[in-house]
Protein backbone atom coordinates (compact mmCIF):
# COMPACT_ATOMS: atom_id res chain seq x y z
CA MET A 1 85.62 86.35 99.41
CA ALA A 2 89.00 87.47 98.05
CA GLN A 3 91.99 85.95 99.79
CA TYR A 4 94.52 88.26 101.40
CA GLN A 5 98.18 88.23 100.51
CA ARG A 6 101.27 89.40 102.33
CA LEU A 7 103.38 91.20 99.76
CA ASN A 8 106.51 93.28 100.18
CA LEU A 9 108.24 95.73 97.86
CA ASP A 10 110.26 93.04 96.08
CA SER A 11 107.28 90.86 95.22
CA LEU A 12 105.14 93.77 94.03
CA THR A 13 108.01 95.24 92.00
CA LEU A 14 108.49 91.86 90.32
CA ARG A 15 104.83 91.73 89.34
CA LEU A 16 104.91 95.32 88.09
CA THR A 17 108.03 94.56 86.04
CA GLU A 18 106.18 91.67 84.40
CA ARG A 19 103.36 94.10 83.56
CA VAL A 20 105.74 96.35 81.60
CA GLY A 21 107.31 93.62 79.51
CA ASN A 22 109.96 92.59 82.06
CA ASN A 23 111.72 95.88 81.37
CA SER A 24 114.29 96.65 84.06
CA THR A 25 116.21 99.27 82.08
CA PHE A 26 113.75 101.93 80.91
CA TRP A 27 112.25 102.24 84.42
CA THR A 28 114.47 102.27 87.49
CA ALA A 29 113.68 100.40 90.69
CA ARG A 30 113.05 103.79 92.35
CA GLU A 31 110.47 104.74 89.70
CA LYS A 32 108.61 101.46 90.19
CA ARG A 33 108.66 101.86 93.96
CA ASP A 34 107.33 105.42 93.72
CA ALA A 35 104.56 104.30 91.34
CA LEU A 36 103.49 101.54 93.72
CA ASN A 37 103.51 103.82 96.76
CA GLU A 38 101.46 106.42 94.89
CA ALA A 39 98.94 103.71 93.97
CA ILE A 40 98.66 102.66 97.62
CA ARG A 41 98.15 106.23 98.84
CA VAL A 42 95.51 107.05 96.22
CA TRP A 43 93.69 103.79 96.95
CA ALA A 44 93.73 104.61 100.66
CA VAL A 45 92.20 108.05 100.05
CA MET A 46 89.51 106.66 97.74
CA THR A 47 88.46 103.69 99.85
CA GLY A 48 89.60 104.13 103.44
CA GLN A 49 91.29 100.74 103.15
CA TRP A 50 93.38 101.25 106.26
CA SER A 51 91.84 102.47 109.51
CA ARG A 52 92.76 102.55 113.19
CA ARG A 53 90.84 102.59 116.46
CA PHE A 54 91.93 104.04 119.78
CA SER A 55 90.43 104.48 123.23
CA ILE A 56 90.97 107.82 124.94
CA PRO A 57 90.21 108.10 128.66
CA THR A 58 87.90 110.99 129.48
CA VAL A 59 88.95 113.82 131.77
CA VAL A 60 86.24 115.41 133.91
CA GLY A 61 85.01 118.64 132.34
CA GLN A 62 87.36 118.39 129.32
CA ARG A 63 85.79 119.23 125.96
CA PHE A 64 88.76 119.28 123.58
CA TYR A 65 90.82 116.19 122.83
CA ASP A 66 93.76 115.41 120.55
CA VAL A 67 93.27 113.04 117.64
CA PRO A 68 95.80 110.17 117.88
CA LYS A 69 98.73 110.86 115.56
CA GLN A 70 98.21 107.56 113.74
CA ILE A 71 94.83 108.80 112.44
CA VAL A 72 94.88 111.22 109.50
CA SER A 73 91.11 111.68 109.23
CA LEU A 74 88.80 111.14 112.20
CA GLN A 75 85.56 109.45 111.10
CA ARG A 76 83.68 108.24 114.17
CA VAL A 77 83.58 108.84 117.92
CA ARG A 78 81.84 106.70 120.52
CA TYR A 79 81.30 107.48 124.17
CA ASN A 80 81.86 104.08 125.72
CA ASN A 81 79.61 102.07 123.36
CA THR A 82 77.31 104.89 122.21
CA ILE A 83 77.94 106.52 118.83
CA LEU A 84 78.08 110.31 119.05
CA TYR A 85 76.40 112.42 116.38
CA GLN A 86 78.90 114.33 114.23
CA THR A 87 78.31 118.06 113.93
CA SER A 88 80.45 121.19 113.52
CA THR A 89 81.48 123.94 115.90
CA ALA A 90 79.31 126.38 113.90
CA GLU A 91 76.25 124.16 114.39
CA MET A 92 77.10 123.82 118.07
CA ASP A 93 77.23 127.61 118.38
CA TYR A 94 73.73 127.82 116.94
CA GLY A 95 72.23 124.73 118.54
CA PHE A 96 73.74 124.67 122.03
CA SER A 97 73.62 127.95 123.92
CA ASN A 98 76.89 128.56 125.79
CA TRP A 99 78.04 125.02 125.05
CA GLN A 100 81.60 125.86 126.08
CA GLN A 101 80.31 126.43 129.62
CA SER A 102 77.96 123.42 129.73
CA ALA A 103 78.03 121.18 132.78
CA THR A 104 79.50 117.69 132.83
CA GLY A 105 77.11 115.07 131.53
CA THR A 106 76.74 112.38 128.88
CA PRO A 107 78.28 113.47 125.54
CA SER A 108 75.87 113.39 122.60
CA VAL A 109 77.79 115.15 119.79
CA TRP A 110 81.33 115.63 118.53
CA ALA A 111 82.89 117.99 116.03
CA PRO A 112 86.28 117.98 114.28
CA ILE A 113 88.61 120.92 114.79
CA GLY A 114 91.14 120.80 111.99
CA LEU A 115 92.88 117.47 111.55
CA ASP A 116 94.39 116.96 114.97
CA LYS A 117 91.68 117.90 117.50
CA PHE A 118 88.01 117.29 118.19
CA VAL A 119 85.46 118.51 120.70
CA ILE A 120 82.63 116.72 122.51
CA ASN A 121 79.52 118.19 124.11
CA PRO A 122 78.69 118.06 126.92
CA PRO A 123 82.01 117.13 128.54
CA ALA A 124 82.14 113.71 130.18
CA ALA A 125 82.92 112.61 133.68
CA ALA A 126 86.19 110.85 134.46
CA GLY A 127 86.48 107.09 134.26
CA SER A 128 84.93 106.56 130.83
CA PHE A 129 86.38 106.28 127.32
CA LEU A 130 86.06 107.96 123.94
CA ASN A 131 86.52 105.27 121.31
CA VAL A 132 87.72 106.98 118.13
CA GLU A 133 88.07 105.51 114.66
CA GLY A 134 89.52 107.03 111.51
CA LEU A 135 91.58 106.64 108.38
CA ALA A 136 95.18 105.71 109.03
CA LEU A 137 98.33 106.56 107.16
CA ALA A 138 98.70 104.35 104.11
CA PRO A 139 101.56 101.88 104.44
CA ALA A 140 104.71 102.81 102.53
CA LEU A 141 106.72 100.20 100.68
CA ARG A 142 110.45 100.43 101.23
CA VAL A 143 113.48 98.24 100.78
CA GLY A 144 113.51 95.66 103.55
CA GLY A 145 110.20 97.04 104.85
CA ASP A 146 107.09 95.43 106.22
CA PHE A 147 104.60 93.34 104.29
CA LEU A 148 101.41 94.76 102.82
CA ASP A 149 98.27 92.80 103.74
CA ILE A 150 95.72 93.24 100.96
CA GLY A 151 93.24 91.23 98.92
CA ASP A 152 93.97 89.63 95.54
CA GLU A 153 91.65 91.95 93.62
CA GLU A 154 93.06 95.06 95.30
CA VAL A 155 96.61 94.01 94.38
CA ASN A 156 95.64 93.87 90.72
CA ARG A 157 94.10 97.33 90.89
CA LEU A 158 97.22 98.78 92.54
CA LEU A 159 99.29 97.28 89.75
CA ASP A 160 96.90 98.81 87.19
CA TYR A 161 97.48 102.27 88.64
CA ALA A 162 101.24 101.85 88.93
CA HIS A 163 101.43 100.53 85.35
CA HIS A 164 99.50 103.56 84.10
CA ILE A 165 101.76 105.96 86.00
CA LEU A 166 104.90 104.35 84.56
CA THR A 167 103.67 104.67 80.99
CA PHE A 168 103.56 108.45 81.42
CA LYS A 169 107.32 108.31 80.92
CA GLU A 170 106.76 106.73 77.52
CA GLY A 171 104.01 109.04 76.34
CA GLY A 172 102.43 108.61 72.93
CA LEU A 173 100.34 105.57 72.07
CA GLU A 174 101.64 103.57 75.02
CA PHE A 175 100.34 106.12 77.51
CA GLU A 176 97.00 106.41 75.71
CA ALA A 177 96.65 102.62 75.68
CA SER A 178 97.09 102.53 79.47
CA MET A 179 94.15 104.87 80.18
CA PRO A 180 91.67 101.99 80.70
CA LEU A 181 93.87 100.81 83.57
CA MET A 182 93.09 104.05 85.42
CA GLY A 183 89.39 103.56 84.72
CA THR A 184 89.52 100.03 86.11
CA PHE A 185 91.31 101.29 89.22
CA VAL A 186 88.73 104.00 89.91
CA GLU A 187 85.76 101.72 89.18
CA ALA A 188 87.10 99.26 91.74
CA ALA A 189 87.45 102.07 94.28
CA VAL A 190 83.85 103.16 93.62
CA GLN A 191 82.60 99.63 94.12
CA ARG A 192 84.54 99.48 97.37
CA ASN A 193 83.02 102.74 98.57
CA GLN A 194 79.66 103.50 96.94
CA ARG A 195 79.58 106.96 98.48
CA LEU A 196 82.18 108.05 95.95
CA LEU A 197 79.64 107.84 93.13
CA GLY A 198 78.25 111.25 94.09
CA ALA A 199 81.62 112.99 94.07
CA SER A 200 82.45 115.09 91.02
CA THR A 201 86.12 114.08 91.10
CA PHE A 202 85.30 110.44 90.53
CA LYS A 203 82.69 111.29 87.91
CA ARG A 204 85.41 112.98 85.92
CA TYR A 205 87.69 109.96 86.25
CA LEU A 206 84.89 107.70 85.04
CA GLY A 207 83.90 109.97 82.17
CA MET A 208 80.53 110.78 83.78
CA SER A 209 80.87 114.56 83.80
CA LYS A 210 78.34 116.26 81.51
CA GLN A 211 80.60 119.30 81.27
CA ASP A 212 83.43 117.14 79.96
CA GLU A 213 81.10 115.57 77.41
CA GLN A 214 80.17 119.00 76.05
CA ARG A 215 83.74 120.25 75.82
CA PRO A 216 85.25 120.18 72.29
CA VAL A 217 87.67 117.31 71.86
CA ARG A 218 91.18 118.01 70.64
CA SER A 219 92.65 115.16 68.62
CA PRO A 220 96.36 115.69 68.01
CA GLU A 221 98.17 113.19 65.87
CA SER A 222 99.20 110.23 67.99
CA GLN A 223 102.92 109.71 68.51
CA ILE A 224 104.83 106.56 69.29
CA GLY A 225 106.13 106.52 72.87
CA ALA A 226 109.70 106.81 74.11
CA ARG A 227 110.41 103.09 73.82
CA GLY A 228 109.39 103.15 70.15
């Protein structure tokens, strides 16, 4: 099992600087910080690395509840210790006649309403809890900020992504040579979350799109990057 590290902006920036030949002139500290934060956010979206859980007390007869602000994507709702089946308001309209007037009982389903609200059916009695779980905001690295708790392997993948993003400034052969770093990053995300294998976005990243394979390839003459 990969060991976890506690890394802050300074330590990650130092490792990223080593990746780009210890260059502290061509790329500014702000550019490196932005590249690292972008890597963290993309990794969070791809893998759900960071999540939060909250308990919401039920209100008798109440169907609609607010999603806690710390959750950006609600994934699971439990009524006490029972997992509720996820549906949609359209399916509820078809499957539960007059569900908005249903009597208080034991909730069996929930449905998201946008990003900040969800509904349960039937409404619960008072004195119980809705235990919600979802993806949390990705941590943001900042000067003098908190530490990032993450595994060794994940750190390397974040550095791969940030390195690739920085080489965009160079262009030319240097940027082309960094493309495998993006592939390694995405492959690691897929391994972390096997459900991503069926998504067309990740197929394109991994070169698995048949449409991309059939598209004529343009091969302009390669140019040396900005650093020469």
